[in-house]
Amino acid sequence: MGELRIMDRNKGDLKVIWDKDKPEEIKAAKKQFNKMLKNGYLAYSVKKDGSQNKQMTEFDEKAEKVILSPVLQGG
């Protein structure tokens, strides 16, 4: 199973889960991933132990967990 965690300022935390053996679930997760990147979010793959692996620019259906976060702005 793969998991997208989307941090949204207005809607809170959204979780999208896909089964790596179900193409329709992979397609839906990829669509959500790409939508969030187009909206300016950053994506990071995370290992099961919680350690950050790398920033992502393309969906990877084999990722264990992906965190999508809006760009933080200081002021």
PDB file of N, CA and C in Angstrom:
ATOM      1  N   MET A   1       0.836  -1.180   0.000  1.00  0.00           N
ATOM      2  CA  MET A   1       0.000   0.000   0.000  1.00  0.00           C
ATOM      3  C   MET A   1       0.881   1.243   0.000  1.00  0.00           C
ATOM      4  N   GLY A   2       0.443   2.217  -0.768  1.00  0.00           N
ATOM      5  CA  GLY A   2       1.093   3.508  -0.776  1.00  0.00           C
ATOM      6  C   GLY A   2       0.167   4.534  -0.149  1.00  0.00           C
ATOM      7  N   GLU A   3       0.740   5.638   0.280  1.00  0.00           N
ATOM      8  CA  GLU A   3      -0.056   6.646   0.972  1.00  0.00           C
ATOM      9  C   GLU A   3       0.417   8.049   0.608  1.00  0.00           C
ATOM     10  N   LEU A   4      -0.543   8.919   0.240  1.00  0.00           N
ATOM     11  CA  LEU A   4      -0.289  10.345   0.065  1.00  0.00           C
ATOM     12  C   LEU A   4      -0.859  11.045   1.285  1.00  0.00           C
ATOM     13  N   ARG A   5      -0.110  11.950   1.869  1.00  0.00           N
ATOM     14  CA  ARG A   5      -0.610  12.796   2.948  1.00  0.00           C
ATOM     15  C   ARG A   5      -0.517  14.224   2.444  1.00  0.00           C
ATOM     16  N   ILE A   6      -1.656  14.877   2.335  1.00  0.00           N
ATOM     17  CA  ILE A   6      -1.716  16.233   1.795  1.00  0.00           C
ATOM     18  C   ILE A   6      -2.030  17.194   2.931  1.00  0.00           C
ATOM     19  N   MET A   7      -1.118  18.132   3.156  1.00  0.00           N
ATOM     20  CA  MET A   7      -1.299  19.143   4.186  1.00  0.00           C
ATOM     21  C   MET A   7      -1.974  20.346   3.532  1.00  0.00           C
ATOM     22  N   ASP A   8      -3.208  20.634   3.915  1.00  0.00           N
ATOM     23  CA  ASP A   8      -3.975  21.711   3.309  1.00  0.00           C
ATOM     24  C   ASP A   8      -4.319  22.744   4.382  1.00  0.00           C
ATOM     25  N   ARG A   9      -4.037  24.002   4.094  1.00  0.00           N
ATOM     26  CA  ARG A   9      -4.290  25.073   5.063  1.00  0.00           C
ATOM     27  C   ARG A   9      -5.774  25.199   5.415  1.00  0.00           C
ATOM     28  N   ASN A  10      -6.643  24.928   4.455  1.00  0.00           N
ATOM     29  CA  ASN A  10      -8.071  25.129   4.661  1.00  0.00           C
ATOM     30  C   ASN A  10      -8.817  23.859   5.058  1.00  0.00           C
ATOM     31  N   LYS A  11      -8.405  22.718   4.519  1.00  0.00           N
ATOM     32  CA  LYS A  11      -9.130  21.463   4.727  1.00  0.00           C
ATOM     33  C   LYS A  11      -8.459  20.529   5.723  1.00  0.00           C
ATOM     34  N   GLY A  12      -7.303  20.893   6.208  1.00  0.00           N
ATOM     35  CA  GLY A  12      -6.587  20.026   7.138  1.00  0.00           C
ATOM     36  C   GLY A  12      -5.769  18.972   6.410  1.00  0.00           C
ATOM     37  N   ASP A  13      -5.600  17.844   7.038  1.00  0.00           N
ATOM     38  CA  ASP A  13      -4.770  16.755   6.524  1.00  0.00           C
ATOM     39  C   ASP A  13      -5.647  15.762   5.760  1.00  0.00           C
ATOM     40  N   LEU A  14      -5.319  15.521   4.492  1.00  0.00           N
ATOM     41  CA  LEU A  14      -6.056  14.579   3.657  1.00  0.00           C
ATOM     42  C   LEU A  14      -5.166  13.383   3.365  1.00  0.00           C
ATOM     43  N   LYS A  15      -5.723  12.176   3.476  1.00  0.00           N
ATOM     44  CA  LYS A  15      -4.954  10.966   3.210  1.00  0.00           C
ATOM     45  C   LYS A  15      -5.549  10.240   2.008  1.00  0.00           C
ATOM     46  N   VAL A  16      -4.683   9.872   1.044  1.00  0.00           N
ATOM     47  CA  VAL A  16      -5.074   9.091  -0.122  1.00  0.00           C
ATOM     48  C   VAL A  16      -4.233   7.815  -0.107  1.00  0.00           C
ATOM     49  N   ILE A  17      -4.898   6.659  -0.134  1.00  0.00           N
ATOM     50  CA  ILE A  17      -4.195   5.378  -0.085  1.00  0.00           C
ATOM     51  C   ILE A  17      -4.433   4.638  -1.394  1.00  0.00           C
ATOM     52  N   TRP A  18      -3.388   3.977  -1.898  1.00  0.00           N
ATOM     53  CA  TRP A  18      -3.551   3.155  -3.099  1.00  0.00           C
ATOM     54  C   TRP A  18      -2.908   1.796  -2.897  1.00  0.00           C
ATOM     55  N   ASP A  19      -3.514   0.807  -3.517  1.00  0.00           N
ATOM     56  CA  ASP A  19      -2.992  -0.556  -3.533  1.00  0.00           C
ATOM     57  C   ASP A  19      -2.108  -0.670  -4.766  1.00  0.00           C
ATOM     58  N   LYS A  20      -0.887  -1.073  -4.584  1.00  0.00           N
ATOM     59  CA  LYS A  20       0.079  -1.134  -5.687  1.00  0.00           C
ATOM     60  C   LYS A  20      -0.285  -2.168  -6.749  1.00  0.00           C
ATOM     61  N   ASP A  21      -1.289  -3.009  -6.462  1.00  0.00           N
ATOM     62  CA  ASP A  21      -1.747  -4.018  -7.422  1.00  0.00           C
ATOM     63  C   ASP A  21      -3.052  -3.614  -8.109  1.00  0.00           C
ATOM     64  N   LYS A  22      -3.532  -2.391  -7.856  1.00  0.00           N
ATOM     65  CA  LYS A  22      -4.795  -1.933  -8.440  1.00  0.00           C
ATOM     66  C   LYS A  22      -4.554  -0.677  -9.279  1.00  0.00           C
ATOM     67  N   PRO A  23      -4.474  -0.856 -10.605  1.00  0.00           N
ATOM     68  CA  PRO A  23      -4.162   0.268 -11.498  1.00  0.00           C
ATOM     69  C   PRO A  23      -5.086   1.471 -11.352  1.00  0.00           C
ATOM     70  N   GLU A  24      -6.376   1.248 -11.069  1.00  0.00           N
ATOM     71  CA  GLU A  24      -7.293   2.378 -10.946  1.00  0.00           C
ATOM     72  C   GLU A  24      -6.984   3.218  -9.708  1.00  0.00           C
ATOM     73  N   GLU A  25      -6.525   2.592  -8.637  1.00  0.00           N
ATOM     74  CA  GLU A  25      -6.141   3.328  -7.436  1.00  0.00           C
ATOM     75  C   GLU A  25      -4.833   4.090  -7.658  1.00  0.00           C
ATOM     76  N   ILE A  26      -3.913   3.479  -8.382  1.00  0.00           N
ATOM     77  CA  ILE A  26      -2.650   4.155  -8.716  1.00  0.00           C
ATOM     78  C   ILE A  26      -2.938   5.387  -9.570  1.00  0.00           C
ATOM     79  N   LYS A  27      -3.817   5.230 -10.544  1.00  0.00           N
ATOM     80  CA  LYS A  27      -4.172   6.333 -11.438  1.00  0.00           C
ATOM     81  C   LYS A  27      -4.788   7.494 -10.657  1.00  0.00           C
ATOM     82  N   ALA A  28      -5.681   7.195  -9.722  1.00  0.00           N
ATOM     83  CA  ALA A  28      -6.320   8.232  -8.914  1.00  0.00           C
ATOM     84  C   ALA A  28      -5.298   8.955  -8.021  1.00  0.00           C
ATOM     85  N   ALA A  29      -4.390   8.201  -7.421  1.00  0.00           N
ATOM     86  CA  ALA A  29      -3.365   8.802  -6.567  1.00  0.00           C
ATOM     87  C   ALA A  29      -2.424   9.682  -7.394  1.00  0.00           C
ATOM     88  N   LYS A  30      -2.067   9.206  -8.574  1.00  0.00           N
ATOM     89  CA  LYS A  30      -1.188   9.986  -9.459  1.00  0.00           C
ATOM     90  C   LYS A  30      -1.864  11.281  -9.888  1.00  0.00           C
ATOM     91  N   LYS A  31      -3.145  11.204 -10.182  1.00  0.00           N
ATOM     92  CA  LYS A  31      -3.900  12.393 -10.586  1.00  0.00           C
ATOM     93  C   LYS A  31      -3.902  13.419  -9.453  1.00  0.00           C
ATOM     94  N   GLN A  32      -4.140  12.969  -8.225  1.00  0.00           N
ATOM     95  CA  GLN A  32      -4.138  13.866  -7.072  1.00  0.00           C
ATOM     96  C   GLN A  32      -2.743  14.454  -6.849  1.00  0.00           C
ATOM     97  N   PHE A  33      -1.712  13.632  -6.974  1.00  0.00           N
ATOM     98  CA  PHE A  33      -0.321  14.072  -6.828  1.00  0.00           C
ATOM     99  C   PHE A  33      -0.019  15.192  -7.829  1.00  0.00           C
ATOM    100  N   ASN A  34      -0.333  14.956  -9.092  1.00  0.00           N
ATOM    101  CA  ASN A  34      -0.044  15.945 -10.134  1.00  0.00           C
ATOM    102  C   ASN A  34      -0.840  17.234  -9.936  1.00  0.00           C
ATOM    103  N   LYS A  35      -2.087  17.113  -9.489  1.00  0.00           N
ATOM    104  CA  LYS A  35      -2.915  18.293  -9.216  1.00  0.00           C
ATOM    105  C   LYS A  35      -2.259  19.157  -8.141  1.00  0.00           C
ATOM    106  N   MET A  36      -1.786  18.528  -7.086  1.00  0.00           N
ATOM    107  CA  MET A  36      -1.185  19.281  -5.998  1.00  0.00           C
ATOM    108  C   MET A  36       0.129  19.947  -6.424  1.00  0.00           C
ATOM    109  N   LEU A  37       0.926  19.255  -7.231  1.00  0.00           N
ATOM    110  CA  LEU A  37       2.162  19.882  -7.729  1.00  0.00           C
ATOM    111  C   LEU A  37       1.839  21.104  -8.574  1.00  0.00           C
ATOM    112  N   LYS A  38       0.810  21.007  -9.415  1.00  0.00           N
ATOM    113  CA  LYS A  38       0.406  22.152 -10.253  1.00  0.00           C
ATOM    114  C   LYS A  38      -0.085  23.312  -9.401  1.00  0.00           C
ATOM    115  N   ASN A  39      -0.607  23.008  -8.204  1.00  0.00           N
ATOM    116  CA  ASN A  39      -1.072  24.054  -7.290  1.00  0.00           C
ATOM    117  C   ASN A  39       0.056  24.609  -6.426  1.00  0.00           C
ATOM    118  N   GLY A  40       1.293  24.214  -6.711  1.00  0.00           N
ATOM    119  CA  GLY A  40       2.447  24.775  -6.019  1.00  0.00           C
ATOM    120  C   GLY A  40       2.915  24.005  -4.797  1.00  0.00           C
ATOM    121  N   TYR A  41       2.383  22.822  -4.570  1.00  0.00           N
ATOM    122  CA  TYR A  41       2.807  22.015  -3.436  1.00  0.00           C
ATOM    123  C   TYR A  41       4.156  21.350  -3.713  1.00  0.00           C
ATOM    124  N   LEU A  42       4.865  21.023  -2.654  1.00  0.00           N
ATOM    125  CA  LEU A  42       6.105  20.257  -2.740  1.00  0.00           C
ATOM    126  C   LEU A  42       5.817  18.845  -2.253  1.00  0.00           C
ATOM    127  N   ALA A  43       6.457  17.871  -2.878  1.00  0.00           N
ATOM    128  CA  ALA A  43       6.240  16.468  -2.516  1.00  0.00           C
ATOM    129  C   ALA A  43       7.539  15.853  -2.025  1.00  0.00           C
ATOM    130  N   TYR A  44       7.418  15.039  -0.972  1.00  0.00           N
ATOM    131  CA  TYR A  44       8.568  14.349  -0.398  1.00  0.00           C
ATOM    132  C   TYR A  44       8.199  12.896  -0.146  1.00  0.00           C
ATOM    133  N   SER A  45       9.067  11.988  -0.547  1.00  0.00           N
ATOM    134  CA  SER A  45       8.849  10.588  -0.189  1.00  0.00           C
ATOM    135  C   SER A  45       9.443  10.375   1.199  1.00  0.00           C
ATOM    136  N   VAL A  46       8.780   9.525   1.968  1.00  0.00           N
ATOM    137  CA  VAL A  46       9.193   9.258   3.344  1.00  0.00           C
ATOM    138  C   VAL A  46       9.226   7.752   3.541  1.00  0.00           C
ATOM    139  N   LYS A  47      10.237   7.273   4.218  1.00  0.00           N
ATOM    140  CA  LYS A  47      10.335   5.846   4.510  1.00  0.00           C
ATOM    141  C   LYS A  47       9.420   5.484   5.683  1.00  0.00           C
ATOM    142  N   LYS A  48       9.128   4.207   5.836  1.00  0.00           N
ATOM    143  CA  LYS A  48       8.230   3.754   6.906  1.00  0.00           C
ATOM    144  C   LYS A  48       8.706   4.162   8.286  1.00  0.00           C
ATOM    145  N   ASP A  49      10.011   4.265   8.465  1.00  0.00           N
ATOM    146  CA  ASP A  49      10.525   4.643   9.780  1.00  0.00           C
ATOM    147  C   ASP A  49      10.403   6.145  10.040  1.00  0.00           C
ATOM    148  N   GLY A  50       9.856   6.889   9.062  1.00  0.00           N
ATOM    149  CA  GLY A  50       9.623   8.319   9.232  1.00  0.00           C
ATOM    150  C   GLY A  50      10.738   9.193   8.700  1.00  0.00           C
ATOM    151  N   SER A  51      11.844   8.611   8.303  1.00  0.00           N
ATOM    152  CA  SER A  51      12.938   9.424   7.778  1.00  0.00           C
ATOM    153  C   SER A  51      12.608   9.906   6.367  1.00  0.00           C
ATOM    154  N   GLN A  52      13.006  11.141   6.087  1.00  0.00           N
ATOM    155  CA  GLN A  52      12.770  11.707   4.763  1.00  0.00           C
ATOM    156  C   GLN A  52      13.714  11.070   3.771  1.00  0.00           C
ATOM    157  N   ASN A  53      13.206  10.747   2.604  1.00  0.00           N
ATOM    158  CA  ASN A  53      14.026  10.127   1.583  1.00  0.00           C
ATOM    159  C   ASN A  53      14.476  11.162   0.558  1.00  0.00           C
ATOM    160  N   LYS A  54      13.510  11.795  -0.147  1.00  0.00           N
ATOM    161  CA  LYS A  54      13.888  12.765  -1.175  1.00  0.00           C
ATOM    162  C   LYS A  54      12.688  13.563  -1.626  1.00  0.00           C
ATOM    163  N   GLN A  55      12.974  14.728  -2.225  1.00  0.00           N
ATOM    164  CA  GLN A  55      11.904  15.509  -2.833  1.00  0.00           C
ATOM    165  C   GLN A  55      11.517  14.842  -4.150  1.00  0.00           C
ATOM    166  N   MET A  56      10.235  14.881  -4.468  1.00  0.00           N
ATOM    167  CA  MET A  56       9.732  14.220  -5.667  1.00  0.00           C
ATOM    168  C   MET A  56       9.187  15.256  -6.647  1.00  0.00           C
ATOM    169  N   THR A  57       9.416  15.009  -7.931  1.00  0.00           N
ATOM    170  CA  THR A  57       8.805  15.837  -8.966  1.00  0.00           C
ATOM    171  C   THR A  57       7.896  15.007  -9.861  1.00  0.00           C
ATOM    172  N   GLU A  58       7.940  13.693  -9.693  1.00  0.00           N
ATOM    173  CA  GLU A  58       7.087  12.769 -10.436  1.00  0.00           C
ATOM    174  C   GLU A  58       6.542  11.722  -9.478  1.00  0.00           C
ATOM    175  N   PHE A  59       5.308  11.280  -9.747  1.00  0.00           N
ATOM    176  CA  PHE A  59       4.675  10.272  -8.914  1.00  0.00           C
ATOM    177  C   PHE A  59       5.406   8.941  -9.029  1.00  0.00           C
ATOM    178  N   ASP A  60       5.608   8.286  -7.905  1.00  0.00           N
ATOM    179  CA  ASP A  60       6.229   6.962  -7.865  1.00  0.00           C
ATOM    180  C   ASP A  60       5.274   6.018  -7.149  1.00  0.00           C
ATOM    181  N   GLU A  61       4.637   5.139  -7.906  1.00  0.00           N
ATOM    182  CA  GLU A  61       3.643   4.232  -7.338  1.00  0.00           C
ATOM    183  C   GLU A  61       4.234   3.268  -6.314  1.00  0.00           C
ATOM    184  N   LYS A  62       5.556   3.130  -6.298  1.00  0.00           N
ATOM    185  CA  LYS A  62       6.214   2.226  -5.356  1.00  0.00           C
ATOM    186  C   LYS A  62       6.590   2.909  -4.045  1.00  0.00           C
ATOM    187  N   ALA A  63       6.362   4.209  -3.973  1.00  0.00           N
ATOM    188  CA  ALA A  63       6.686   4.942  -2.743  1.00  0.00           C
ATOM    189  C   ALA A  63       5.827   4.433  -1.592  1.00  0.00           C
ATOM    190  N   GLU A  64       6.421   4.369  -0.416  1.00  0.00           N
ATOM    191  CA  GLU A  64       5.681   3.927   0.764  1.00  0.00           C
ATOM    192  C   GLU A  64       4.732   5.023   1.237  1.00  0.00           C
ATOM    193  N   LYS A  65       5.265   6.232   1.346  1.00  0.00           N
ATOM    194  CA  LYS A  65       4.483   7.355   1.837  1.00  0.00           C
ATOM    195  C   LYS A  65       5.000   8.625   1.180  1.00  0.00           C
ATOM    196  N   VAL A  66       4.071   9.486   0.768  1.00  0.00           N
ATOM    197  CA  VAL A  66       4.420  10.758   0.134  1.00  0.00           C
ATOM    198  C   VAL A  66       3.709  11.859   0.896  1.00  0.00           C
ATOM    199  N   ILE A  67       4.450  12.885   1.271  1.00  0.00           N
ATOM    200  CA  ILE A  67       3.866  14.039   1.940  1.00  0.00           C
ATOM    201  C   ILE A  67       3.879  15.202   0.960  1.00  0.00           C
ATOM    202  N   LEU A  68       2.704  15.812   0.783  1.00  0.00           N
ATOM    203  CA  LEU A  68       2.563  16.996  -0.067  1.00  0.00           C
ATOM    204  C   LEU A  68       2.250  18.180   0.832  1.00  0.00           C
ATOM    205  N   SER A  69       3.037  19.224   0.700  1.00  0.00           N
ATOM    206  CA  SER A  69       2.899  20.376   1.578  1.00  0.00           C
ATOM    207  C   SER A  69       2.978  21.661   0.762  1.00  0.00           C
ATOM    208  N   PRO A  70       2.155  22.663   1.131  1.00  0.00           N
ATOM    209  CA  PRO A  70       2.294  23.960   0.452  1.00  0.00           C
ATOM    210  C   PRO A  70       3.649  24.559   0.808  1.00  0.00           C
ATOM    211  N   VAL A  71       4.134  25.406  -0.065  1.00  0.00           N
ATOM    212  CA  VAL A  71       5.391  26.086   0.195  1.00  0.00           C
ATOM    213  C   VAL A  71       5.189  27.019   1.382  1.00  0.00           C
ATOM    214  N   LEU A  72       6.056  26.932   2.364  1.00  0.00           N
ATOM    215  CA  LEU A  72       5.959  27.799   3.534  1.00  0.00           C
ATOM    216  C   LEU A  72       6.573  29.155   3.219  1.00  0.00           C
ATOM    217  N   GLN A  73       5.891  30.205   3.652  1.00  0.00           N
ATOM    218  CA  GLN A  73       6.372  31.553   3.397  1.00  0.00           C
ATOM    219  C   GLN A  73       6.611  32.255   4.716  1.00  0.00           C
ATOM    220  N   GLY A  74       7.778  32.849   4.832  1.00  0.00           N
ATOM    221  CA  GLY A  74       8.101  33.583   6.037  1.00  0.00           C
ATOM    222  C   GLY A  74       7.776  35.046   5.852  1.00  0.00           C
ATOM    223  N   GLY A  75       7.833  35.774   6.906  1.00  0.00           N
ATOM    224  CA  GLY A  75       7.509  37.183   6.750  1.00  0.00           C
ATOM    225  C   GLY A  75       7.884  37.945   7.887  1.00  0.00           C
TER     226      GLY A  75
END
